Protein backbone atom coordinates (compact mmCIF):
# COMPACT_ATOMS: atom_id res chain seq x y z
CA MET A 1 12.76 0.83 -15.07
CA VAL A 2 14.18 3.62 -12.96
CA THR A 3 16.53 3.16 -10.03
CA ILE A 4 17.47 5.83 -7.62
CA LYS A 5 20.75 5.35 -5.59
CA LYS A 6 20.44 5.47 -1.96
CA LYS A 7 21.62 8.64 -0.30
CA SER A 8 21.47 10.64 -3.67
CA PHE A 9 19.83 14.00 -3.95
CA LEU A 10 16.64 12.49 -5.48
CA TRP A 11 16.53 9.77 -2.71
CA HIS A 12 16.61 12.50 -0.16
CA VAL A 13 13.76 14.49 -1.99
CA PHE A 14 11.51 11.19 -2.13
CA ARG A 15 12.18 10.53 1.65
CA ALA A 16 11.38 14.15 2.75
CA PRO A 17 7.57 13.38 3.56
CA VAL A 18 8.88 10.66 6.03
CA TYR A 19 9.94 13.50 8.32
CA LEU A 20 6.49 15.12 8.26
CA TYR A 21 5.07 11.83 9.41
CA ARG A 22 7.68 11.49 12.14
CA TRP A 23 6.93 14.99 13.29
CA HIS A 24 3.18 14.19 13.36
CA LEU A 25 2.38 16.36 10.42
CA GLY A 26 1.41 13.70 8.05
CA ARG A 27 -2.17 14.73 8.13
CA LEU A 28 -0.94 17.91 6.21
CA LEU A 29 -0.44 15.48 3.19
CA GLY A 30 -4.11 14.25 3.26
CA HIS A 31 -4.81 11.18 1.39
CA ARG A 32 -2.26 11.88 -1.43
CA VAL A 33 0.51 9.98 0.19
CA LEU A 34 0.92 7.26 2.90
CA LEU A 35 3.64 6.12 5.16
CA LEU A 36 4.34 2.35 5.04
CA THR A 37 6.27 1.11 7.90
CA HIS A 38 7.51 -2.47 7.34
CA ILE A 39 10.09 -4.83 8.64
CA GLY A 40 13.28 -5.56 6.71
CA ARG A 41 13.40 -9.22 5.54
CA ARG A 42 17.26 -9.49 6.21
CA THR A 43 17.69 -7.16 9.03
CA GLY A 44 14.47 -7.39 10.96
CA LEU A 45 14.82 -3.52 11.48
CA ARG A 46 11.59 -1.31 10.94
CA ARG A 47 11.74 0.53 7.71
CA GLN A 48 9.62 3.35 6.53
CA THR A 49 8.66 4.30 2.96
CA VAL A 50 6.37 7.17 1.63
CA LEU A 51 4.18 6.23 -1.32
CA GLU A 52 1.79 8.14 -3.47
CA VAL A 53 -1.77 7.01 -3.18
CA VAL A 54 -3.37 6.51 -6.67
CA GLU A 55 -6.85 5.68 -5.14
CA TYR A 56 -8.22 6.10 -1.70
CA ARG A 57 -11.36 4.15 -0.96
CA PRO A 58 -12.77 5.50 2.44
CA GLU A 59 -15.48 2.75 2.87
CA ALA A 60 -12.97 -0.01 3.78
CA PRO A 61 -10.62 2.02 4.21
CA GLU A 62 -8.44 0.83 1.38
CA VAL A 63 -5.58 2.70 -0.10
CA VAL A 64 -4.02 1.79 -3.52
CA VAL A 65 -0.46 2.56 -4.45
CA ALA A 66 1.56 2.13 -7.60
CA ASN A 67 4.99 0.70 -7.07
CA GLY A 68 7.09 2.65 -9.83
CA PHE A 69 10.19 0.63 -9.03
CA GLY A 70 8.85 -2.83 -9.90
CA ARG A 71 8.06 -6.06 -7.88
CA ASN A 72 11.69 -6.49 -6.68
CA CYS A 73 12.04 -3.07 -4.86
CA ASP A 74 12.94 -3.63 -1.15
CA TRP A 75 9.65 -2.47 0.39
CA VAL A 76 7.78 -4.95 -1.76
CA LEU A 77 10.10 -7.81 -1.06
CA ASN A 78 9.83 -6.79 2.73
CA ILE A 79 5.98 -7.01 2.91
CA GLU A 80 6.01 -10.17 0.88
CA ALA A 81 8.49 -11.90 3.16
CA LYS A 82 7.46 -10.46 6.57
CA GLY A 83 4.09 -8.92 6.44
CA ARG A 84 3.16 -6.97 9.53
CA GLU A 85 2.94 -3.65 7.59
CA GLU A 86 1.45 -0.51 9.02
CA ILE A 87 0.05 2.40 7.12
CA THR A 88 -0.48 6.05 8.18
CA VAL A 89 -2.57 7.99 5.77
CA GLY A 90 -3.95 11.35 6.66
CA ALA A 91 -4.84 10.97 10.44
CA GLN A 92 -5.42 7.23 10.14
CA HIS A 93 -2.98 4.74 11.35
CA PHE A 94 -3.52 0.93 11.18
CA ALA A 95 -1.96 -2.43 10.97
CA ALA A 96 -2.52 -3.56 7.39
CA THR A 97 -2.65 -6.45 4.95
CA HIS A 98 -1.95 -5.98 1.27
CA ARG A 99 -3.03 -7.52 -2.08
CA PHE A 100 -1.84 -7.04 -5.60
CA LEU A 101 -4.48 -5.67 -8.00
CA GLY A 102 -5.39 -7.78 -11.04
CA GLU A 103 -4.81 -6.16 -14.41
CA GLU A 104 -8.38 -5.06 -15.18
CA GLU A 105 -8.75 -3.49 -11.70
CA ALA A 106 -5.32 -1.86 -11.98
CA ALA A 107 -5.98 -0.38 -15.45
CA ARG A 108 -9.26 1.09 -14.07
CA VAL A 109 -7.44 2.56 -11.17
CA ILE A 110 -5.00 4.31 -13.46
CA ARG A 111 -7.60 5.51 -15.81
CA ASP A 112 -9.52 7.03 -12.76
CA TYR A 113 -6.21 8.42 -11.37
CA GLU A 114 -5.58 10.33 -14.83
CA ARG A 115 -9.27 11.62 -14.84
CA ARG A 116 -8.85 12.96 -11.38
CA ASN A 117 -5.51 14.51 -12.36
CA ARG A 118 -6.47 15.87 -15.75
CA LEU A 119 -5.33 19.40 -15.07
CA ILE A 120 -1.80 18.19 -14.68
CA ALA A 121 -2.10 15.28 -17.13
CA PRO A 122 1.01 16.10 -19.22
CA LEU A 123 3.00 16.03 -15.92
CA VAL A 124 1.43 12.64 -15.00
CA ARG A 125 2.31 11.12 -18.42
CA ARG A 126 5.82 12.55 -18.26
CA GLY A 127 6.25 11.04 -14.73
CA PHE A 128 4.91 7.65 -15.92
CA SER A 129 7.27 7.73 -18.96
CA TRP A 130 10.18 8.36 -16.68
CA LEU A 131 9.15 5.47 -14.40
CA LEU A 132 8.48 3.06 -17.28
CA GLY A 133 11.47 4.05 -19.48
CA TRP A 134 9.03 4.33 -22.57
CA PRO A 135 6.75 7.01 -23.78
CA TYR A 136 3.48 6.80 -21.94
CA ARG A 137 0.55 8.46 -23.83
CA GLY A 138 -2.35 7.63 -21.58
CA THR A 139 -4.10 5.10 -23.99
CA GLU A 140 -5.84 2.02 -22.98
CA SER A 141 -3.06 -0.15 -24.39
CA ASP A 142 -0.57 2.04 -22.64
CA ARG A 143 -2.30 1.38 -19.34
CA ARG A 144 -2.38 -2.17 -19.91
CA ARG A 145 1.36 -2.35 -20.67
CA MET A 146 1.96 -0.10 -17.66
CA VAL A 147 0.09 -2.34 -15.08
CA GLU A 148 2.09 -5.33 -16.33
CA GLN A 149 5.31 -3.48 -15.47
CA ILE A 150 4.32 -1.53 -12.51
CA PRO A 151 2.32 -3.50 -9.85
CA LEU A 152 -0.63 -1.70 -7.93
CA ILE A 153 -1.02 -2.72 -4.43
CA ALA A 154 -3.85 -2.12 -2.13
CA PHE A 155 -3.54 -1.85 1.71
CA ARG A 156 -6.51 -2.24 4.15
CA PRO A 157 -6.75 -2.72 7.97
CA LEU A 158 -6.19 -6.15 9.29
CA ALA A 159 -9.62 -7.66 10.30
CA ALA A 160 -10.28 -7.33 14.11
CA PRO A 161 -10.11 -10.73 15.72
CA ALA A 162 -13.56 -12.16 16.52
CA GLU A 163 -14.69 -11.68 20.04
CA SER A 164 -14.61 -14.68 22.35
CA PRO A 165 -18.03 -16.12 23.34
CA LYS A 166 -19.58 -15.23 26.40
CA SER A 167 -19.65 -17.81 29.33
CA SER A 168 -23.33 -18.66 28.71
CA THR A 169 -22.49 -19.86 25.22
CA ARG A 170 -19.02 -21.23 25.77
CA ASP A 171 -17.79 -24.13 23.62
CA THR A 172 -17.35 -27.32 25.64
CA SER A 173 -16.55 -29.78 22.89
CA ALA A 174 -12.84 -29.59 23.65
CA ALA A 175 -13.52 -30.76 27.39
CA PRO A 176 -13.08 -34.39 28.22
CA PRO A 177 -16.32 -36.39 28.01
CA SER A 178 -16.83 -36.47 31.84
CA LYS A 179 -16.44 -32.76 32.07
CA ARG A 180 -18.64 -31.71 29.18
CA ILE A 181 -21.47 -29.34 30.32
CA ALA A 182 -24.88 -30.53 29.31
CA SER A 183 -27.04 -28.06 27.11
């Protein structure tokens, strides 16, 4: 598994899209990357991470990212500990919830990602090989091995709270027996 030292040249390259989002230019990146804003589990400070979207599902909307640095990287530990993450993808911004994809769904997402990016397939395989630390060839067995090592995480908007009932249908069961309204 690859590690990138903080404040190194490569760290700055990967952080560059954060500034596009801060300058309100994130929509230029479309649905290829997202900005994850989360709360540090130890510091309580707001943190921001840019992640590549491997699948965008507009109907929910739901965005799936591959976590190339494993389950123990800071942003994953932060969203597991604190929750309260926010997502900005394209022109959309929403408070989100997350889930880890199962092996079957994750392997399908990676297969579809490879198909959508078939023109740059050698580059995709090389990038996966670099992240994984072993030669990724794009076979079904490689995909299964990959999703065991690299978790795929889906983000979707938090469900809106249900509207409170109108006064004509209010719930009176919590009122004391003498104050209950007859229906």
